[in-house]
């Protein structure tokens, strides 16, 4: 029997209970990243949905950097890091938002976009959708057009898609 990409990804995830705080189950992707075949399959799958449609990939700190940079390379596009506040040099543009266990602020360099770039937003997990929604707001405020949001894992029981109305949202694996 042939293994699907979803089965392959699921077999390479590890749950870490009560991290980063009690009640949260952290989805550890390091076994997936350590498996070159599985990691490459995920990147190629994401790229197949967006080839020729985006000019820049924006990866959300920190694990979105891993997938975003690999995806940008696969697509032959540029990469823009979406960082936690205070981590980028020079002039920045930022936004604050709430997430499932607190609040946060993210930033991009003010000169990341000249306007009109078609951007793919990438992160490892779509949970409540707060980080992805804030990222889309930040990028569009900088003049970019967000084409879609890609995630390795979607925690559907947290209904993050509802925070991204009218947006194309894709996940390699959806956990209910």
C-alpha atoms as a PDB file:
ATOM      1  CA  UNK A   1       0.000   0.000   0.000  1.00  0.00           C
ATOM      2  CA  UNK A   2       1.284   3.460  -0.961  1.00  0.00           C
ATOM      3  CA  UNK A   3       1.842   5.981   1.821  1.00  0.00           C
ATOM      4  CA  UNK A   4       0.134   9.355   1.335  1.00  0.00           C
ATOM      5  CA  UNK A   5       1.902  12.603   2.112  1.00  0.00           C
ATOM      6  CA  UNK A   6      -0.507  13.130   5.006  1.00  0.00           C
ATOM      7  CA  UNK A   7       0.379   9.704   6.464  1.00  0.00           C
ATOM      8  CA  UNK A   8       4.072  10.429   6.020  1.00  0.00           C
ATOM      9  CA  UNK A   9       3.791  13.786   7.798  1.00  0.00           C
ATOM     10  CA  UNK A  10       1.637  12.364  10.596  1.00  0.00           C
ATOM     11  CA  UNK A  11       4.201   9.628  11.204  1.00  0.00           C
ATOM     12  CA  UNK A  12       6.943  12.264  11.583  1.00  0.00           C
ATOM     13  CA  UNK A  13       5.176  14.442  14.172  1.00  0.00           C
ATOM     14  CA  UNK A  14       5.653  14.163  17.909  1.00  0.00           C
ATOM     15  CA  UNK A  15       3.319  15.601  20.552  1.00  0.00           C
ATOM     16  CA  UNK A  16       4.927  17.329  23.531  1.00  0.00           C
ATOM     17  CA  UNK A  17       2.275  17.877  26.230  1.00  0.00           C
ATOM     18  CA  UNK A  18       2.245  20.998  28.409  1.00  0.00           C
ATOM     19  CA  UNK A  19       4.700  22.957  26.266  1.00  0.00           C
ATOM     20  CA  UNK A  20       5.225  25.901  26.237  1.00  0.00           C
ATOM     21  CA  UNK A  21       2.729  25.991  29.109  1.00  0.00           C
ATOM     22  CA  UNK A  22       0.285  23.631  30.834  1.00  0.00           C
ATOM     23  CA  UNK A  23      -2.631  22.579  28.659  1.00  0.00           C
ATOM     24  CA  UNK A  24      -0.887  23.204  25.322  1.00  0.00           C
ATOM     25  CA  UNK A  25       0.157  20.228  23.189  1.00  0.00           C
ATOM     26  CA  UNK A  26       3.176  21.303  21.130  1.00  0.00           C
ATOM     27  CA  UNK A  27       3.486  19.715  17.679  1.00  0.00           C
ATOM     28  CA  UNK A  28       7.178  18.846  17.354  1.00  0.00           C
ATOM     29  CA  UNK A  29       8.189  18.833  13.692  1.00  0.00           C
ATOM     30  CA  UNK A  30      11.879  18.048  14.230  1.00  0.00           C
ATOM     31  CA  UNK A  31      11.454  14.365  13.230  1.00  0.00           C
ATOM     32  CA  UNK A  32       9.942  15.561   9.924  1.00  0.00           C
ATOM     33  CA  UNK A  33      12.760  18.038   9.353  1.00  0.00           C
ATOM     34  CA  UNK A  34      15.348  15.320  10.037  1.00  0.00           C
ATOM     35  CA  UNK A  35      13.852  13.155   7.280  1.00  0.00           C
ATOM     36  CA  UNK A  36      15.070  14.659   3.999  1.00  0.00           C
ATOM     37  CA  UNK A  37      12.609  12.695   1.898  1.00  0.00           C
ATOM     38  CA  UNK A  38       9.600  13.744   3.986  1.00  0.00           C
ATOM     39  CA  UNK A  39      10.722  17.383   4.281  1.00  0.00           C
ATOM     40  CA  UNK A  40      11.353  17.579   0.537  1.00  0.00           C
ATOM     41  CA  UNK A  41       7.958  16.032  -0.226  1.00  0.00           C
ATOM     42  CA  UNK A  42       6.222  18.667   1.899  1.00  0.00           C
ATOM     43  CA  UNK A  43       8.079  21.538   0.230  1.00  0.00           C
ATOM     44  CA  UNK A  44       7.383  20.184  -3.277  1.00  0.00           C
ATOM     45  CA  UNK A  45       3.693  19.718  -2.407  1.00  0.00           C
ATOM     46  CA  UNK A  46       3.378  23.295  -1.168  1.00  0.00           C
ATOM     47  CA  UNK A  47       5.267  24.611  -4.196  1.00  0.00           C
ATOM     48  CA  UNK A  48       3.008  22.754  -6.623  1.00  0.00           C
ATOM     49  CA  UNK A  49       0.035  24.845  -5.471  1.00  0.00           C
ATOM     50  CA  UNK A  50       1.799  28.168  -6.042  1.00  0.00           C
ATOM     51  CA  UNK A  51       4.282  27.791  -8.882  1.00  0.00           C
ATOM     52  CA  UNK A  52       4.120  30.883 -11.116  1.00  0.00           C
ATOM     53  CA  UNK A  53       1.623  32.592  -8.812  1.00  0.00           C
ATOM     54  CA  UNK A  54       3.834  34.260  -6.184  1.00  0.00           C
ATOM     55  CA  UNK A  55       6.876  36.503  -6.260  1.00  0.00           C
ATOM     56  CA  UNK A  56       7.792  36.376  -2.574  1.00  0.00           C
ATOM     57  CA  UNK A  57       7.387  33.904   0.261  1.00  0.00           C
ATOM     58  CA  UNK A  58       6.938  35.311   3.773  1.00  0.00           C
ATOM     59  CA  UNK A  59       7.821  32.912   6.582  1.00  0.00           C
ATOM     60  CA  UNK A  60       6.559  33.459  10.109  1.00  0.00           C
ATOM     61  CA  UNK A  61       9.101  33.166  12.949  1.00  0.00           C
ATOM     62  CA  UNK A  62      10.430  30.761  13.771  1.00  0.00           C
ATOM     63  CA  UNK A  63       9.480  27.455  12.223  1.00  0.00           C
ATOM     64  CA  UNK A  64       7.819  29.204   9.293  1.00  0.00           C
ATOM     65  CA  UNK A  65      11.337  30.334   8.349  1.00  0.00           C
ATOM     66  CA  UNK A  66      12.320  26.717   7.739  1.00  0.00           C
ATOM     67  CA  UNK A  67       9.462  25.946   5.378  1.00  0.00           C
ATOM     68  CA  UNK A  68       9.316  29.434   3.899  1.00  0.00           C
ATOM     69  CA  UNK A  69      12.982  29.605   2.925  1.00  0.00           C
ATOM     70  CA  UNK A  70      12.917  26.106   1.422  1.00  0.00           C
ATOM     71  CA  UNK A  71       9.711  26.928  -0.428  1.00  0.00           C
ATOM     72  CA  UNK A  72      11.103  30.221  -1.754  1.00  0.00           C
ATOM     73  CA  UNK A  73      14.133  28.320  -3.046  1.00  0.00           C
ATOM     74  CA  UNK A  74      11.904  25.689  -4.683  1.00  0.00           C
ATOM     75  CA  UNK A  75       9.790  28.425  -6.313  1.00  0.00           C
ATOM     76  CA  UNK A  76      12.772  30.575  -7.298  1.00  0.00           C
ATOM     77  CA  UNK A  77      11.406  33.568  -5.379  1.00  0.00           C
ATOM     78  CA  UNK A  78      12.606  35.862  -2.643  1.00  0.00           C
ATOM     79  CA  UNK A  79      12.000  35.275   1.056  1.00  0.00           C
ATOM     80  CA  UNK A  80      10.874  37.785   3.694  1.00  0.00           C
ATOM     81  CA  UNK A  81      11.145  36.873   7.372  1.00  0.00           C
ATOM     82  CA  UNK A  82       8.230  37.915   9.591  1.00  0.00           C
ATOM     83  CA  UNK A  83       9.973  38.365  12.934  1.00  0.00           C
ATOM     84  CA  UNK A  84       9.127  38.954  16.551  1.00  0.00           C
ATOM     85  CA  UNK A  85       9.317  42.629  17.488  1.00  0.00           C
ATOM     86  CA  UNK A  86      12.793  44.018  18.044  1.00  0.00           C
ATOM     87  CA  UNK A  87      14.663  41.342  16.061  1.00  0.00           C
ATOM     88  CA  UNK A  88      15.156  43.163  12.756  1.00  0.00           C
ATOM     89  CA  UNK A  89      17.679  45.940  12.087  1.00  0.00           C
ATOM     90  CA  UNK A  90      16.695  49.200  10.462  1.00  0.00           C
ATOM     91  CA  UNK A  91      13.234  50.671  10.061  1.00  0.00           C
ATOM     92  CA  UNK A  92      10.394  48.229  10.611  1.00  0.00           C
ATOM     93  CA  UNK A  93       6.640  48.011  10.310  1.00  0.00           C
ATOM     94  CA  UNK A  94       4.801  45.972  12.945  1.00  0.00           C
ATOM     95  CA  UNK A  95       1.486  44.789  14.331  1.00  0.00           C
ATOM     96  CA  UNK A  96       0.398  43.354  17.693  1.00  0.00           C
ATOM     97  CA  UNK A  97      -2.149  40.548  18.097  1.00  0.00           C
ATOM     98  CA  UNK A  98      -3.532  37.925  20.474  1.00  0.00           C
ATOM     99  CA  UNK A  99      -2.692  34.253  20.206  1.00  0.00           C
ATOM    100  CA  UNK A 100      -3.857  31.086  21.934  1.00  0.00           C
ATOM    101  CA  UNK A 101      -1.676  31.567  25.014  1.00  0.00           C
ATOM    102  CA  UNK A 102      -0.887  35.277  25.232  1.00  0.00           C
ATOM    103  CA  UNK A 103      -0.132  38.170  22.916  1.00  0.00           C
ATOM    104  CA  UNK A 104       2.687  39.011  20.537  1.00  0.00           C
ATOM    105  CA  UNK A 105       4.018  41.556  18.073  1.00  0.00           C
ATOM    106  CA  UNK A 106       5.550  40.843  14.678  1.00  0.00           C
ATOM    107  CA  UNK A 107       7.525  42.992  12.260  1.00  0.00           C
ATOM    108  CA  UNK A 108       8.966  43.144   8.784  1.00  0.00           C
ATOM    109  CA  UNK A 109      11.581  45.530   7.465  1.00  0.00           C
ATOM    110  CA  UNK A 110       9.896  48.632   6.135  1.00  0.00           C
ATOM    111  CA  UNK A 111      11.590  48.131   2.749  1.00  0.00           C
ATOM    112  CA  UNK A 112      10.532  44.478   2.364  1.00  0.00           C
ATOM    113  CA  UNK A 113       7.954  45.341  -0.297  1.00  0.00           C
ATOM    114  CA  UNK A 114       7.858  48.049  -2.917  1.00  0.00           C
ATOM    115  CA  UNK A 115       4.155  47.450  -3.508  1.00  0.00           C
ATOM    116  CA  UNK A 116       2.070  44.949  -5.356  1.00  0.00           C
ATOM    117  CA  UNK A 117       4.183  41.854  -4.742  1.00  0.00           C
ATOM    118  CA  UNK A 118       2.191  38.624  -4.681  1.00  0.00           C
ATOM    119  CA  UNK A 119       3.104  36.952  -1.401  1.00  0.00           C
ATOM    120  CA  UNK A 120       2.615  33.467  -0.017  1.00  0.00           C
ATOM    121  CA  UNK A 121       2.488  33.333   3.802  1.00  0.00           C
ATOM    122  CA  UNK A 122       3.989  30.182   5.335  1.00  0.00           C
ATOM    123  CA  UNK A 123       4.009  28.812   8.873  1.00  0.00           C
ATOM    124  CA  UNK A 124       4.322  25.416  10.464  1.00  0.00           C
ATOM    125  CA  UNK A 125       1.008  25.404  12.371  1.00  0.00           C
ATOM    126  CA  UNK A 126      -2.302  27.156  11.838  1.00  0.00           C
ATOM    127  CA  UNK A 127      -3.921  27.151  15.284  1.00  0.00           C
ATOM    128  CA  UNK A 128      -6.259  30.011  16.248  1.00  0.00           C
ATOM    129  CA  UNK A 129      -5.258  31.983  13.148  1.00  0.00           C
ATOM    130  CA  UNK A 130      -4.106  35.045  15.083  1.00  0.00           C
ATOM    131  CA  UNK A 131      -0.531  35.003  13.841  1.00  0.00           C
ATOM    132  CA  UNK A 132      -1.521  34.310  10.239  1.00  0.00           C
ATOM    133  CA  UNK A 133      -4.196  37.039  10.275  1.00  0.00           C
ATOM    134  CA  UNK A 134      -1.758  39.548  11.790  1.00  0.00           C
ATOM    135  CA  UNK A 135       0.851  38.616   9.192  1.00  0.00           C
ATOM    136  CA  UNK A 136      -1.613  39.149   6.335  1.00  0.00           C
ATOM    137  CA  UNK A 137      -2.596  42.528   7.817  1.00  0.00           C
ATOM    138  CA  UNK A 138       1.051  43.516   8.187  1.00  0.00           C
ATOM    139  CA  UNK A 139       2.018  42.496   4.642  1.00  0.00           C
ATOM    140  CA  UNK A 140      -0.997  44.112   3.020  1.00  0.00           C
ATOM    141  CA  UNK A 141      -0.350  47.277   5.017  1.00  0.00           C
ATOM    142  CA  UNK A 142       3.112  47.288   3.442  1.00  0.00           C
ATOM    143  CA  UNK A 143       1.632  47.119  -0.068  1.00  0.00           C
ATOM    144  CA  UNK A 144       1.817  43.380  -0.742  1.00  0.00           C
ATOM    145  CA  UNK A 145      -0.993  41.175  -2.018  1.00  0.00           C
ATOM    146  CA  UNK A 146      -1.358  37.987   0.026  1.00  0.00           C
ATOM    147  CA  UNK A 147      -2.117  35.156  -2.391  1.00  0.00           C
ATOM    148  CA  UNK A 148      -2.544  32.348   0.139  1.00  0.00           C
ATOM    149  CA  UNK A 149      -1.592  30.998   3.532  1.00  0.00           C
ATOM    150  CA  UNK A 150       0.213  27.641   3.723  1.00  0.00           C
ATOM    151  CA  UNK A 151       0.738  25.618   6.889  1.00  0.00           C
ATOM    152  CA  UNK A 152       2.232  22.218   7.507  1.00  0.00           C
ATOM    153  CA  UNK A 153      -0.347  21.445  10.209  1.00  0.00           C
ATOM    154  CA  UNK A 154      -3.819  22.858  10.777  1.00  0.00           C
ATOM    155  CA  UNK A 155      -5.396  22.354  14.190  1.00  0.00           C
ATOM    156  CA  UNK A 156      -8.955  22.489  12.839  1.00  0.00           C
ATOM    157  CA  UNK A 157     -10.526  22.226  16.298  1.00  0.00           C
ATOM    158  CA  UNK A 158      -9.169  25.738  17.026  1.00  0.00           C
ATOM    159  CA  UNK A 159     -10.946  27.137  13.928  1.00  0.00           C
ATOM    160  CA  UNK A 160      -8.071  29.327  12.737  1.00  0.00           C
ATOM    161  CA  UNK A 161      -9.526  29.531   9.228  1.00  0.00           C
ATOM    162  CA  UNK A 162     -12.346  31.683  10.587  1.00  0.00           C
ATOM    163  CA  UNK A 163      -9.778  34.446  11.247  1.00  0.00           C
ATOM    164  CA  UNK A 164      -8.775  34.361   7.551  1.00  0.00           C
ATOM    165  CA  UNK A 165     -12.071  34.954   5.720  1.00  0.00           C
ATOM    166  CA  UNK A 166     -11.866  35.109   1.938  1.00  0.00           C
ATOM    167  CA  UNK A 167      -8.284  33.800   1.905  1.00  0.00           C
ATOM    168  CA  UNK A 168      -6.973  30.646   0.305  1.00  0.00           C
ATOM    169  CA  UNK A 169      -5.703  28.502   3.172  1.00  0.00           C
ATOM    170  CA  UNK A 170      -3.892  25.201   2.641  1.00  0.00           C
ATOM    171  CA  UNK A 171      -2.533  22.700   5.138  1.00  0.00           C
ATOM    172  CA  UNK A 172      -0.556  19.551   4.443  1.00  0.00           C
ATOM    173  CA  UNK A 173      -2.246  17.787   7.329  1.00  0.00           C
ATOM    174  CA  UNK A 174      -5.437  18.762   9.156  1.00  0.00           C
ATOM    175  CA  UNK A 175      -5.870  17.544  12.720  1.00  0.00           C
ATOM    176  CA  UNK A 176      -9.417  17.513  14.070  1.00  0.00           C
END
